[in-house]
Amino acid sequence: MSLPKINTPEYSLNIPSTDEEIKFRPFLVKEEKVLLIAQETGGEKALYQAIKNLCTNCCFGKVDVDTLPLFDIEYVFLQIRAKSVGEVAKIDVTCPDDDKTKVTIDVNLTQLKVEIDEKHSPKIQLTDDIGLLMSYPNLADVLTMSTAEDDGNTVDKMFAMMQKCMYQVWQGEETHDAVDYTNKEKKDFLESLNHEQFEKIQTFFDTMPTVKYTVDVINPTTKVKSEVTLEGMNSFF
């Protein structure tokens, strides 16, 4: 006689970028084991691969993890984690006033939201008549960039990410879909920009939507009260 199977509960959430409702389950011990091993190795690529597989399995294969924007995956993963190991996570943060003292705070993962910087826009006006429409990086892009980082190609990694996220270029009433152009053509376009124009593209990445949580902490040593912002998925491990 076979051993009994334990049923897992199902929950629902709305994907931030589309507001689509999806079903998910908590992760199992076998999935948590893979995640913990990836964390211990310290490799970003291994961690993101584990998160990709976990989200795919826990969402019953109904979510295309490779194409969703990274901030969607951050949110989905943290909601799965909340229902798997507890809604309140204890996080160690460093007090900003001395940059060394650590305090432990409680974060309710179910209350996390994807926040959008008021300066953020995927539409970038480069000149009076030329503009660039960007798409958001996804988990597949991050995995690719992690491999490039391991190889030490920091500058190439940055340009490769920008090329991947170029969606459309317009000049007046004429539009050009980036998918119709080679990586070399897109790289040549980026390299033709001046410093100010290039900074506008960097601002797009710096201000992208992300899971964010802000809390006041008091340094037990100096008694100084400071505001600490946790940002991105890795901040909530």
C-alpha atoms as a PDB file:
ATOM      1  CA  MET A   1       0.000   0.000   0.000  1.00  0.00           C
ATOM      2  CA  SER A   2       1.392   3.396  -0.988  1.00  0.00           C
ATOM      3  CA  LEU A   3       1.855   6.247   1.460  1.00  0.00           C
ATOM      4  CA  PRO A   4      -0.903   8.890   1.570  1.00  0.00           C
ATOM      5  CA  LYS A   5      -0.536  12.080  -0.444  1.00  0.00           C
ATOM      6  CA  ILE A   6      -0.901  15.374   1.371  1.00  0.00           C
ATOM      7  CA  ASN A   7      -3.054  17.947  -0.387  1.00  0.00           C
ATOM      8  CA  THR A   8      -1.708  21.480  -0.640  1.00  0.00           C
ATOM      9  CA  PRO A   9      -3.976  24.543  -0.433  1.00  0.00           C
ATOM     10  CA  GLU A  10      -4.471  26.896  -3.364  1.00  0.00           C
ATOM     11  CA  TYR A  11      -4.421  30.689  -3.238  1.00  0.00           C
ATOM     12  CA  SER A  12      -4.880  33.464  -5.773  1.00  0.00           C
ATOM     13  CA  LEU A  13      -3.065  36.710  -6.557  1.00  0.00           C
ATOM     14  CA  ASN A  14      -3.137  39.397  -9.222  1.00  0.00           C
ATOM     15  CA  ILE A  15      -0.057  39.927 -11.401  1.00  0.00           C
ATOM     16  CA  PRO A  16       0.914  43.599 -10.924  1.00  0.00           C
ATOM     17  CA  SER A  17       1.587  44.516 -14.572  1.00  0.00           C
ATOM     18  CA  THR A  18      -1.586  42.963 -16.016  1.00  0.00           C
ATOM     19  CA  ASP A  19      -3.911  42.587 -13.002  1.00  0.00           C
ATOM     20  CA  GLU A  20      -4.526  39.014 -14.211  1.00  0.00           C
ATOM     21  CA  GLU A  21      -5.613  36.663 -11.434  1.00  0.00           C
ATOM     22  CA  ILE A  22      -3.624  33.444 -11.119  1.00  0.00           C
ATOM     23  CA  LYS A  23      -3.734  30.464  -8.788  1.00  0.00           C
ATOM     24  CA  PHE A  24      -0.722  29.233  -6.839  1.00  0.00           C
ATOM     25  CA  ARG A  25       0.250  26.796  -4.120  1.00  0.00           C
ATOM     26  CA  PRO A  26       2.926  26.913  -1.409  1.00  0.00           C
ATOM     27  CA  PHE A  27       6.263  25.400  -2.358  1.00  0.00           C
ATOM     28  CA  LEU A  28       7.112  21.898  -1.186  1.00  0.00           C
ATOM     29  CA  VAL A  29      10.143  20.738   0.793  1.00  0.00           C
ATOM     30  CA  LYS A  30      11.835  19.413  -2.348  1.00  0.00           C
ATOM     31  CA  GLU A  31      11.488  22.870  -3.982  1.00  0.00           C
ATOM     32  CA  GLU A  32      12.621  24.689  -0.858  1.00  0.00           C
ATOM     33  CA  LYS A  33      15.684  22.428  -0.724  1.00  0.00           C
ATOM     34  CA  VAL A  34      16.737  23.500  -4.226  1.00  0.00           C
ATOM     35  CA  LEU A  35      16.206  27.149  -3.298  1.00  0.00           C
ATOM     36  CA  LEU A  36      18.292  26.849  -0.108  1.00  0.00           C
ATOM     37  CA  ILE A  37      21.129  25.133  -1.968  1.00  0.00           C
ATOM     38  CA  ALA A  38      21.112  27.935  -4.557  1.00  0.00           C
ATOM     39  CA  GLN A  39      21.288  30.535  -1.768  1.00  0.00           C
ATOM     40  CA  GLU A  40      24.211  28.750  -0.120  1.00  0.00           C
ATOM     41  CA  THR A  41      26.249  28.642  -3.322  1.00  0.00           C
ATOM     42  CA  GLY A  42      26.025  32.430  -3.553  1.00  0.00           C
ATOM     43  CA  GLY A  43      25.563  32.349  -7.320  1.00  0.00           C
ATOM     44  CA  GLU A  44      22.938  34.728  -8.666  1.00  0.00           C
ATOM     45  CA  LYS A  45      22.347  32.600 -11.743  1.00  0.00           C
ATOM     46  CA  ALA A  46      21.636  29.472  -9.685  1.00  0.00           C
ATOM     47  CA  LEU A  47      19.293  31.415  -7.394  1.00  0.00           C
ATOM     48  CA  TYR A  48      17.276  32.904 -10.246  1.00  0.00           C
ATOM     49  CA  GLN A  49      17.074  29.529 -11.975  1.00  0.00           C
ATOM     50  CA  ALA A  50      15.722  28.000  -8.760  1.00  0.00           C
ATOM     51  CA  ILE A  51      13.171  30.822  -8.428  1.00  0.00           C
ATOM     52  CA  LYS A  52      12.128  30.345 -12.052  1.00  0.00           C
ATOM     53  CA  ASN A  53      11.483  26.636 -11.570  1.00  0.00           C
ATOM     54  CA  LEU A  54       9.735  27.198  -8.255  1.00  0.00           C
ATOM     55  CA  CYS A  55       7.354  29.849  -9.636  1.00  0.00           C
ATOM     56  CA  THR A  56       6.580  27.694 -12.674  1.00  0.00           C
ATOM     57  CA  ASN A  57       5.727  24.679 -10.524  1.00  0.00           C
ATOM     58  CA  CYS A  58       3.799  26.551  -7.833  1.00  0.00           C
ATOM     59  CA  CYS A  59       1.687  28.387 -10.437  1.00  0.00           C
ATOM     60  CA  PHE A  60       0.793  25.051 -12.070  1.00  0.00           C
ATOM     61  CA  GLY A  61       2.648  25.943 -15.261  1.00  0.00           C
ATOM     62  CA  LYS A  62       0.110  28.658 -16.064  1.00  0.00           C
ATOM     63  CA  VAL A  63       2.572  31.554 -15.812  1.00  0.00           C
ATOM     64  CA  ASP A  64       5.198  32.225 -18.478  1.00  0.00           C
ATOM     65  CA  VAL A  65       7.994  33.017 -16.060  1.00  0.00           C
ATOM     66  CA  ASP A  66      10.473  33.845 -18.834  1.00  0.00           C
ATOM     67  CA  THR A  67       8.411  36.668 -20.342  1.00  0.00           C
ATOM     68  CA  LEU A  68       6.914  38.393 -17.288  1.00  0.00           C
ATOM     69  CA  PRO A  69       8.732  41.567 -16.171  1.00  0.00           C
ATOM     70  CA  LEU A  70      11.149  40.908 -13.337  1.00  0.00           C
ATOM     71  CA  PHE A  71       9.093  42.925 -10.843  1.00  0.00           C
ATOM     72  CA  ASP A  72       6.116  40.621 -11.501  1.00  0.00           C
ATOM     73  CA  ILE A  73       8.263  37.583 -10.718  1.00  0.00           C
ATOM     74  CA  GLU A  74       9.556  39.268  -7.548  1.00  0.00           C
ATOM     75  CA  TYR A  75       6.005  39.837  -6.369  1.00  0.00           C
ATOM     76  CA  VAL A  76       4.761  36.356  -7.313  1.00  0.00           C
ATOM     77  CA  PHE A  77       7.713  34.657  -5.618  1.00  0.00           C
ATOM     78  CA  LEU A  78       7.327  36.633  -2.383  1.00  0.00           C
ATOM     79  CA  GLN A  79       3.615  35.815  -2.209  1.00  0.00           C
ATOM     80  CA  ILE A  80       4.418  32.124  -2.698  1.00  0.00           C
ATOM     81  CA  ARG A  81       7.062  32.379   0.011  1.00  0.00           C
ATOM     82  CA  ALA A  82       4.589  34.063   2.372  1.00  0.00           C
ATOM     83  CA  LYS A  83       2.160  31.141   2.092  1.00  0.00           C
ATOM     84  CA  SER A  84       4.972  28.597   2.321  1.00  0.00           C
ATOM     85  CA  VAL A  85       7.106  29.601   5.302  1.00  0.00           C
ATOM     86  CA  GLY A  86       5.077  32.323   7.007  1.00  0.00           C
ATOM     87  CA  GLU A  87       3.573  35.692   6.139  1.00  0.00           C
ATOM     88  CA  VAL A  88       5.918  37.558   8.495  1.00  0.00           C
ATOM     89  CA  ALA A  89       9.624  37.381   7.619  1.00  0.00           C
ATOM     90  CA  LYS A  90      12.395  38.407   9.986  1.00  0.00           C
ATOM     91  CA  ILE A  91      14.903  40.483   8.028  1.00  0.00           C
ATOM     92  CA  ASP A  92      18.272  41.765   9.239  1.00  0.00           C
ATOM     93  CA  VAL A  93      18.956  45.343   8.129  1.00  0.00           C
ATOM     94  CA  THR A  94      21.971  47.594   8.635  1.00  0.00           C
ATOM     95  CA  CYS A  95      21.419  50.903  10.430  1.00  0.00           C
ATOM     96  CA  PRO A  96      22.346  53.717   8.014  1.00  0.00           C
ATOM     97  CA  ASP A  97      23.753  56.085  10.650  1.00  0.00           C
ATOM     98  CA  ASP A  98      26.819  53.939  11.395  1.00  0.00           C
ATOM     99  CA  ASP A  99      26.559  51.484   8.477  1.00  0.00           C
ATOM    100  CA  LYS A 100      27.459  48.511  10.674  1.00  0.00           C
ATOM    101  CA  THR A 101      24.911  47.847  13.412  1.00  0.00           C
ATOM    102  CA  LYS A 102      22.295  45.309  12.393  1.00  0.00           C
ATOM    103  CA  VAL A 103      18.746  45.088  13.695  1.00  0.00           C
ATOM    104  CA  THR A 104      16.025  42.563  12.964  1.00  0.00           C
ATOM    105  CA  ILE A 105      12.674  43.767  11.656  1.00  0.00           C
ATOM    106  CA  ASP A 106       9.416  41.990  10.903  1.00  0.00           C
ATOM    107  CA  VAL A 107       8.063  42.327   7.363  1.00  0.00           C
ATOM    108  CA  ASN A 108       4.573  41.136   6.432  1.00  0.00           C
ATOM    109  CA  LEU A 109       5.186  39.752   2.959  1.00  0.00           C
ATOM    110  CA  THR A 110       1.488  39.776   2.066  1.00  0.00           C
ATOM    111  CA  GLN A 111       1.465  43.571   2.374  1.00  0.00           C
ATOM    112  CA  LEU A 112       4.273  44.125  -0.131  1.00  0.00           C
ATOM    113  CA  LYS A 113       3.374  46.085  -3.247  1.00  0.00           C
ATOM    114  CA  VAL A 114       5.106  46.879  -6.513  1.00  0.00           C
ATOM    115  CA  GLU A 115       5.960  50.578  -6.411  1.00  0.00           C
ATOM    116  CA  ILE A 116       6.540  52.808  -9.433  1.00  0.00           C
ATOM    117  CA  ASP A 117       8.885  55.789  -9.241  1.00  0.00           C
ATOM    118  CA  GLU A 118       7.119  58.989 -10.303  1.00  0.00           C
ATOM    119  CA  LYS A 119      10.101  59.769 -12.562  1.00  0.00           C
ATOM    120  CA  HIS A 120       9.794  56.482 -14.395  1.00  0.00           C
ATOM    121  CA  SER A 121       8.582  56.163 -17.969  1.00  0.00           C
ATOM    122  CA  PRO A 122       9.208  53.531 -20.661  1.00  0.00           C
ATOM    123  CA  LYS A 123       8.987  56.325 -23.261  1.00  0.00           C
ATOM    124  CA  ILE A 124      12.300  58.151 -23.608  1.00  0.00           C
ATOM    125  CA  GLN A 125      12.524  61.331 -25.665  1.00  0.00           C
ATOM    126  CA  LEU A 126      16.077  61.478 -27.021  1.00  0.00           C
ATOM    127  CA  THR A 127      15.769  64.486 -29.355  1.00  0.00           C
ATOM    128  CA  ASP A 128      12.923  66.733 -30.472  1.00  0.00           C
ATOM    129  CA  ASP A 129      11.716  64.108 -32.952  1.00  0.00           C
ATOM    130  CA  ILE A 130      13.477  60.850 -31.990  1.00  0.00           C
ATOM    131  CA  GLY A 131      12.349  58.688 -29.092  1.00  0.00           C
ATOM    132  CA  LEU A 132      12.748  55.207 -27.692  1.00  0.00           C
ATOM    133  CA  LEU A 133      10.153  52.884 -26.177  1.00  0.00           C
ATOM    134  CA  MET A 134      11.584  50.350 -23.743  1.00  0.00           C
ATOM    135  CA  SER A 135      10.291  46.997 -22.525  1.00  0.00           C
ATOM    136  CA  TYR A 136      11.047  45.588 -19.074  1.00  0.00           C
ATOM    137  CA  PRO A 137      13.743  42.981 -18.471  1.00  0.00           C
ATOM    138  CA  ASN A 138      12.476  39.530 -17.576  1.00  0.00           C
ATOM    139  CA  LEU A 139      13.960  36.593 -15.707  1.00  0.00           C
ATOM    140  CA  ALA A 140      15.462  35.113 -18.874  1.00  0.00           C
ATOM    141  CA  ASP A 141      17.297  38.404 -19.477  1.00  0.00           C
ATOM    142  CA  VAL A 142      18.617  38.414 -15.907  1.00  0.00           C
ATOM    143  CA  LEU A 143      19.902  34.860 -16.269  1.00  0.00           C
ATOM    144  CA  THR A 144      21.687  35.848 -19.474  1.00  0.00           C
ATOM    145  CA  MET A 145      23.195  38.902 -17.824  1.00  0.00           C
ATOM    146  CA  SER A 146      24.322  36.851 -14.819  1.00  0.00           C
ATOM    147  CA  THR A 147      26.305  34.616 -17.153  1.00  0.00           C
ATOM    148  CA  ALA A 148      27.905  37.681 -18.761  1.00  0.00           C
ATOM    149  CA  GLU A 149      28.746  39.060 -15.319  1.00  0.00           C
ATOM    150  CA  ASP A 150      30.440  35.805 -14.368  1.00  0.00           C
ATOM    151  CA  ASP A 151      32.598  36.283 -17.448  1.00  0.00           C
ATOM    152  CA  GLY A 152      33.511  39.785 -16.300  1.00  0.00           C
ATOM    153  CA  ASN A 153      31.912  41.560 -19.270  1.00  0.00           C
ATOM    154  CA  THR A 154      30.326  44.372 -17.269  1.00  0.00           C
ATOM    155  CA  VAL A 155      30.077  46.933 -20.064  1.00  0.00           C
ATOM    156  CA  ASP A 156      28.946  44.359 -22.612  1.00  0.00           C
ATOM    157  CA  LYS A 157      26.364  43.135 -20.100  1.00  0.00           C
ATOM    158  CA  MET A 158      24.937  46.640 -19.719  1.00  0.00           C
ATOM    159  CA  PHE A 159      24.704  47.208 -23.466  1.00  0.00           C
ATOM    160  CA  ALA A 160      23.243  43.736 -24.025  1.00  0.00           C
ATOM    161  CA  MET A 161      20.494  44.437 -21.497  1.00  0.00           C
ATOM    162  CA  MET A 162      19.675  47.766 -23.145  1.00  0.00           C
ATOM    163  CA  GLN A 163      19.545  46.102 -26.560  1.00  0.00           C
ATOM    164  CA  LYS A 164      17.198  43.399 -25.256  1.00  0.00           C
ATOM    165  CA  CYS A 165      14.881  45.994 -23.740  1.00  0.00           C
ATOM    166  CA  MET A 166      14.704  48.229 -26.829  1.00  0.00           C
ATOM    167  CA  TYR A 167      11.152  47.767 -28.088  1.00  0.00           C
ATOM    168  CA  GLN A 168      10.564  50.549 -30.594  1.00  0.00           C
ATOM    169  CA  VAL A 169      12.291  53.633 -31.960  1.00  0.00           C
ATOM    170  CA  TRP A 170      10.312  56.485 -33.465  1.00  0.00           C
ATOM    171  CA  GLN A 171      11.271  59.480 -35.558  1.00  0.00           C
ATOM    172  CA  GLY A 172       8.416  61.860 -36.125  1.00  0.00           C
ATOM    173  CA  GLU A 173       5.500  59.781 -37.387  1.00  0.00           C
ATOM    174  CA  GLU A 174       7.730  56.871 -38.439  1.00  0.00           C
ATOM    175  CA  THR A 175       8.269  53.920 -36.067  1.00  0.00           C
ATOM    176  CA  HIS A 176      10.874  51.152 -36.123  1.00  0.00           C
ATOM    177  CA  ASP A 177      10.332  47.885 -34.225  1.00  0.00           C
ATOM    178  CA  ALA A 178      13.592  46.911 -32.553  1.00  0.00           C
ATOM    179  CA  VAL A 179      12.965  43.214 -33.245  1.00  0.00           C
ATOM    180  CA  ASP A 180      13.499  43.922 -36.945  1.00  0.00           C
ATOM    181  CA  TYR A 181      17.102  45.033 -36.347  1.00  0.00           C
ATOM    182  CA  THR A 182      20.263  43.138 -35.473  1.00  0.00           C
ATOM    183  CA  ASN A 183      22.063  43.443 -32.150  1.00  0.00           C
ATOM    184  CA  LYS A 184      24.887  45.249 -33.944  1.00  0.00           C
ATOM    185  CA  GLU A 185      22.468  47.821 -35.376  1.00  0.00           C
ATOM    186  CA  LYS A 186      20.949  48.394 -31.958  1.00  0.00           C
ATOM    187  CA  LYS A 187      24.371  48.638 -30.356  1.00  0.00           C
ATOM    188  CA  ASP A 188      25.472  51.160 -32.997  1.00  0.00           C
ATOM    189  CA  PHE A 189      22.345  53.191 -32.232  1.00  0.00           C
ATOM    190  CA  LEU A 190      23.129  53.232 -28.494  1.00  0.00           C
ATOM    191  CA  GLU A 191      26.769  54.133 -29.101  1.00  0.00           C
ATOM    192  CA  SER A 192      25.700  57.082 -31.256  1.00  0.00           C
ATOM    193  CA  LEU A 193      23.941  58.745 -28.303  1.00  0.00           C
ATOM    194  CA  ASN A 194      25.512  61.555 -26.327  1.00  0.00           C
ATOM    195  CA  HIS A 195      26.027  61.358 -22.566  1.00  0.00           C
ATOM    196  CA  GLU A 196      22.755  63.062 -21.630  1.00  0.00           C
ATOM    197  CA  GLN A 197      20.700  60.858 -23.955  1.00  0.00           C
ATOM    198  CA  PHE A 198      22.390  57.704 -22.668  1.00  0.00           C
ATOM    199  CA  GLU A 199      21.695  58.744 -19.066  1.00  0.00           C
ATOM    200  CA  LYS A 200      17.975  58.895 -19.877  1.00  0.00           C
ATOM    201  CA  ILE A 201      18.086  55.199 -20.765  1.00  0.00           C
ATOM    202  CA  GLN A 202      19.995  54.418 -17.580  1.00  0.00           C
ATOM    203  CA  THR A 203      17.307  56.288 -15.617  1.00  0.00           C
ATOM    204  CA  PHE A 204      14.708  53.932 -17.085  1.00  0.00           C
ATOM    205  CA  PHE A 205      16.509  50.997 -15.444  1.00  0.00           C
ATOM    206  CA  ASP A 206      17.279  52.837 -12.198  1.00  0.00           C
ATOM    207  CA  THR A 207      13.620  53.763 -11.649  1.00  0.00           C
ATOM    208  CA  MET A 208      11.915  50.568 -12.835  1.00  0.00           C
ATOM    209  CA  PRO A 209       8.973  49.248 -10.783  1.00  0.00           C
ATOM    210  CA  THR A 210      10.078  47.002  -7.947  1.00  0.00           C
ATOM    211  CA  VAL A 211       8.844  45.410  -4.762  1.00  0.00           C
ATOM    212  CA  LYS A 212       9.682  47.912  -2.053  1.00  0.00           C
ATOM    213  CA  TYR A 213       9.216  48.235   1.710  1.00  0.00           C
ATOM    214  CA  THR A 214      10.189  51.238   3.844  1.00  0.00           C
ATOM    215  CA  VAL A 215      10.513  51.067   7.618  1.00  0.00           C
ATOM    216  CA  ASP A 216      11.921  53.190  10.465  1.00  0.00           C
ATOM    217  CA  VAL A 217      14.650  51.534  12.538  1.00  0.00           C
ATOM    218  CA  ILE A 218      16.342  52.653  15.736  1.00  0.00           C
ATOM    219  CA  ASN A 219      20.021  51.907  16.181  1.00  0.00           C
ATOM    220  CA  PRO A 220      20.305  50.225  19.617  1.00  0.00           C
ATOM    221  CA  THR A 221      23.842  51.564  20.006  1.00  0.00           C
ATOM    222  CA  THR A 222      23.479  55.199  18.938  1.00  0.00           C
ATOM    223  CA  LYS A 223      19.693  55.531  19.494  1.00  0.00           C
ATOM    224  CA  VAL A 224      19.463  57.225  16.096  1.00  0.00           C
ATOM    225  CA  LYS A 225      16.234  56.695  14.163  1.00  0.00           C
ATOM    226  CA  SER A 226      16.638  56.142  10.422  1.00  0.00           C
ATOM    227  CA  GLU A 227      14.518  55.191   7.452  1.00  0.00           C
ATOM    228  CA  VAL A 228      15.497  51.990   5.665  1.00  0.00           C
ATOM    229  CA  THR A 229      14.131  50.888   2.298  1.00  0.00           C
ATOM    230  CA  LEU A 230      14.202  47.255   1.238  1.00  0.00           C
ATOM    231  CA  GLU A 231      14.031  46.940  -2.527  1.00  0.00           C
ATOM    232  CA  GLY A 232      13.997  43.945  -4.824  1.00  0.00           C
ATOM    233  CA  MET A 233      13.480  40.255  -4.164  1.00  0.00           C
ATOM    234  CA  ASN A 234      16.904  39.567  -2.631  1.00  0.00           C
ATOM    235  CA  SER A 235      16.235  42.041   0.193  1.00  0.00           C
ATOM    236  CA  PHE A 236      13.527  39.828   1.640  1.00  0.00           C
ATOM    237  CA  PHE A 237      15.494  36.606   2.123  1.00  0.00           C
END
